[in-house]
């Protein structure tokens, strides 16, 4: 998946992303996820930020600048994320609770002993 820039460029799908990214999207039909669709782009970015490894993050950095990733996550306000994932997004992207509101979390969470 090349950097989708310029006019006249065909719509790029997530199927063209590296395997390390496609594995994160196993709940989707990657051939239908279009980078041109902001909702699809957010789903791809969210999967990488929440569950991706360094390779996936590196690929994302080659596609979007950090401020673009930050703006996209901020626009969607952490949609589709549970509270631990929202905390991770806030921390990694230096966003606030105003940017990504808290969400009640009823699941199990390990206590930090730091």
C-alpha atoms as a PDB file:
ATOM      1  CA  UNK A   1       0.000   0.000   0.000  1.00  0.00           C
ATOM      2  CA  UNK A   2       1.842   3.073  -1.207  1.00  0.00           C
ATOM      3  CA  UNK A   3       1.350   6.539   0.170  1.00  0.00           C
ATOM      4  CA  UNK A   4      -2.052   7.444  -1.295  1.00  0.00           C
ATOM      5  CA  UNK A   5      -1.332  10.908  -2.662  1.00  0.00           C
ATOM      6  CA  UNK A   6      -2.054  12.805  -5.789  1.00  0.00           C
ATOM      7  CA  UNK A   7      -5.069  13.058  -8.014  1.00  0.00           C
ATOM      8  CA  UNK A   8      -6.101  10.307 -10.335  1.00  0.00           C
ATOM      9  CA  UNK A   9      -4.572   7.608  -8.111  1.00  0.00           C
ATOM     10  CA  UNK A  10      -6.599   4.429  -7.948  1.00  0.00           C
ATOM     11  CA  UNK A  11      -8.172   3.516  -4.634  1.00  0.00           C
ATOM     12  CA  UNK A  12      -5.702   1.490  -2.582  1.00  0.00           C
ATOM     13  CA  UNK A  13      -7.068  -1.417  -0.532  1.00  0.00           C
ATOM     14  CA  UNK A  14      -5.780  -2.931   2.694  1.00  0.00           C
ATOM     15  CA  UNK A  15      -5.124  -6.123   0.718  1.00  0.00           C
ATOM     16  CA  UNK A  16      -2.029  -4.333  -0.619  1.00  0.00           C
ATOM     17  CA  UNK A  17      -0.653  -3.731   2.890  1.00  0.00           C
ATOM     18  CA  UNK A  18       2.156  -5.952   4.195  1.00  0.00           C
ATOM     19  CA  UNK A  19       1.232  -9.236   5.857  1.00  0.00           C
ATOM     20  CA  UNK A  20       2.084  -7.851   9.310  1.00  0.00           C
ATOM     21  CA  UNK A  21      -0.745  -5.305   8.839  1.00  0.00           C
ATOM     22  CA  UNK A  22      -3.228  -7.626   7.111  1.00  0.00           C
ATOM     23  CA  UNK A  23      -2.992 -10.055  10.056  1.00  0.00           C
ATOM     24  CA  UNK A  24      -4.279  -7.296  12.347  1.00  0.00           C
ATOM     25  CA  UNK A  25      -7.364  -6.937  10.150  1.00  0.00           C
ATOM     26  CA  UNK A  26      -8.512 -10.562  10.229  1.00  0.00           C
ATOM     27  CA  UNK A  27     -12.044  -9.504  11.215  1.00  0.00           C
ATOM     28  CA  UNK A  28     -12.383  -7.608   7.927  1.00  0.00           C
ATOM     29  CA  UNK A  29     -12.430  -8.486   4.256  1.00  0.00           C
ATOM     30  CA  UNK A  30      -9.213  -6.584   3.480  1.00  0.00           C
ATOM     31  CA  UNK A  31     -10.027  -6.388  -0.223  1.00  0.00           C
ATOM     32  CA  UNK A  32     -12.960  -4.110   0.642  1.00  0.00           C
ATOM     33  CA  UNK A  33     -11.062  -1.804   3.040  1.00  0.00           C
ATOM     34  CA  UNK A  34     -10.154   1.257   0.996  1.00  0.00           C
ATOM     35  CA  UNK A  35      -7.556   3.730   2.240  1.00  0.00           C
ATOM     36  CA  UNK A  36      -9.589   6.488   0.513  1.00  0.00           C
ATOM     37  CA  UNK A  37     -12.517   5.856   2.885  1.00  0.00           C
ATOM     38  CA  UNK A  38     -11.826   7.683   6.190  1.00  0.00           C
ATOM     39  CA  UNK A  39     -13.766   5.072   8.207  1.00  0.00           C
ATOM     40  CA  UNK A  40     -11.692   2.265   6.702  1.00  0.00           C
ATOM     41  CA  UNK A  41      -8.460   4.230   7.153  1.00  0.00           C
ATOM     42  CA  UNK A  42      -9.307   4.727  10.848  1.00  0.00           C
ATOM     43  CA  UNK A  43     -10.010   0.988  11.280  1.00  0.00           C
ATOM     44  CA  UNK A  44      -6.586   0.164   9.814  1.00  0.00           C
ATOM     45  CA  UNK A  45      -4.785   2.809  11.879  1.00  0.00           C
ATOM     46  CA  UNK A  46      -6.607   1.781  15.069  1.00  0.00           C
ATOM     47  CA  UNK A  47      -5.675  -1.885  14.584  1.00  0.00           C
ATOM     48  CA  UNK A  48      -2.017  -0.969  14.091  1.00  0.00           C
ATOM     49  CA  UNK A  49      -1.879   1.358  17.098  1.00  0.00           C
ATOM     50  CA  UNK A  50      -3.726  -0.959  19.450  1.00  0.00           C
ATOM     51  CA  UNK A  51      -2.414  -4.395  18.434  1.00  0.00           C
ATOM     52  CA  UNK A  52       0.400  -3.843  15.968  1.00  0.00           C
ATOM     53  CA  UNK A  53       4.095  -4.497  16.416  1.00  0.00           C
ATOM     54  CA  UNK A  54       7.072  -2.321  15.473  1.00  0.00           C
ATOM     55  CA  UNK A  55       6.944  -3.452  11.835  1.00  0.00           C
ATOM     56  CA  UNK A  56       3.287  -2.451  11.491  1.00  0.00           C
ATOM     57  CA  UNK A  57       3.991   0.893  13.194  1.00  0.00           C
ATOM     58  CA  UNK A  58       6.929   1.490  10.849  1.00  0.00           C
ATOM     59  CA  UNK A  59       4.714   0.788   7.835  1.00  0.00           C
ATOM     60  CA  UNK A  60       2.075   3.182   9.169  1.00  0.00           C
ATOM     61  CA  UNK A  61       4.762   5.842   9.596  1.00  0.00           C
ATOM     62  CA  UNK A  62       5.668   5.426   5.933  1.00  0.00           C
ATOM     63  CA  UNK A  63       2.035   6.070   4.960  1.00  0.00           C
ATOM     64  CA  UNK A  64       0.952   8.835   7.364  1.00  0.00           C
ATOM     65  CA  UNK A  65       2.860  11.463   9.292  1.00  0.00           C
ATOM     66  CA  UNK A  66       2.454  11.329  13.061  1.00  0.00           C
ATOM     67  CA  UNK A  67       0.313  14.478  13.118  1.00  0.00           C
ATOM     68  CA  UNK A  68      -2.016  12.883  10.526  1.00  0.00           C
ATOM     69  CA  UNK A  69      -2.374   9.730  12.655  1.00  0.00           C
ATOM     70  CA  UNK A  70      -3.021  11.865  15.715  1.00  0.00           C
ATOM     71  CA  UNK A  71      -5.654  13.975  13.905  1.00  0.00           C
ATOM     72  CA  UNK A  72      -7.430  10.861  12.585  1.00  0.00           C
ATOM     73  CA  UNK A  73      -7.607   9.183  16.004  1.00  0.00           C
ATOM     74  CA  UNK A  74      -8.708  12.446  17.564  1.00  0.00           C
ATOM     75  CA  UNK A  75     -11.460  12.854  14.951  1.00  0.00           C
ATOM     76  CA  UNK A  76     -12.867   9.390  15.734  1.00  0.00           C
ATOM     77  CA  UNK A  77     -12.428   9.917  19.505  1.00  0.00           C
ATOM     78  CA  UNK A  78     -11.238   6.347  20.110  1.00  0.00           C
ATOM     79  CA  UNK A  79     -14.295   4.706  18.537  1.00  0.00           C
ATOM     80  CA  UNK A  80     -14.129   0.915  18.672  1.00  0.00           C
ATOM     81  CA  UNK A  81     -11.654   0.880  21.559  1.00  0.00           C
ATOM     82  CA  UNK A  82     -12.152  -0.259  25.123  1.00  0.00           C
ATOM     83  CA  UNK A  83     -10.760   1.870  27.945  1.00  0.00           C
ATOM     84  CA  UNK A  84      -7.312   0.197  28.186  1.00  0.00           C
ATOM     85  CA  UNK A  85      -6.911   0.722  24.427  1.00  0.00           C
ATOM     86  CA  UNK A  86      -8.055   4.337  24.760  1.00  0.00           C
ATOM     87  CA  UNK A  87      -5.462   4.917  27.489  1.00  0.00           C
ATOM     88  CA  UNK A  88      -2.807   3.467  25.211  1.00  0.00           C
ATOM     89  CA  UNK A  89      -3.853   5.784  22.366  1.00  0.00           C
ATOM     90  CA  UNK A  90      -3.873   8.805  24.693  1.00  0.00           C
ATOM     91  CA  UNK A  91      -0.420   7.966  26.020  1.00  0.00           C
ATOM     92  CA  UNK A  92       1.219   7.118  22.692  1.00  0.00           C
ATOM     93  CA  UNK A  93      -0.304  10.033  20.775  1.00  0.00           C
ATOM     94  CA  UNK A  94      -0.190  12.493  23.659  1.00  0.00           C
ATOM     95  CA  UNK A  95      -3.931  13.080  23.569  1.00  0.00           C
ATOM     96  CA  UNK A  96      -6.230  14.031  26.435  1.00  0.00           C
ATOM     97  CA  UNK A  97      -9.491  12.690  27.836  1.00  0.00           C
ATOM     98  CA  UNK A  98     -11.142  15.563  25.963  1.00  0.00           C
ATOM     99  CA  UNK A  99      -9.693  14.148  22.736  1.00  0.00           C
ATOM    100  CA  UNK A 100     -10.547  10.515  23.546  1.00  0.00           C
ATOM    101  CA  UNK A 101     -13.207  10.334  26.279  1.00  0.00           C
ATOM    102  CA  UNK A 102     -13.161   7.693  29.006  1.00  0.00           C
ATOM    103  CA  UNK A 103     -15.311   4.654  28.445  1.00  0.00           C
ATOM    104  CA  UNK A 104     -16.552   2.386  31.228  1.00  0.00           C
ATOM    105  CA  UNK A 105     -14.523  -0.812  31.298  1.00  0.00           C
ATOM    106  CA  UNK A 106     -15.909  -3.926  32.941  1.00  0.00           C
ATOM    107  CA  UNK A 107     -13.203  -6.366  31.871  1.00  0.00           C
ATOM    108  CA  UNK A 108     -10.221  -7.776  33.706  1.00  0.00           C
ATOM    109  CA  UNK A 109      -7.125  -5.613  33.973  1.00  0.00           C
ATOM    110  CA  UNK A 110      -3.755  -6.415  35.563  1.00  0.00           C
ATOM    111  CA  UNK A 111      -2.756  -4.119  38.385  1.00  0.00           C
ATOM    112  CA  UNK A 112       0.488  -2.242  37.852  1.00  0.00           C
ATOM    113  CA  UNK A 113       3.085  -2.668  40.599  1.00  0.00           C
ATOM    114  CA  UNK A 114       5.391   0.067  39.367  1.00  0.00           C
END
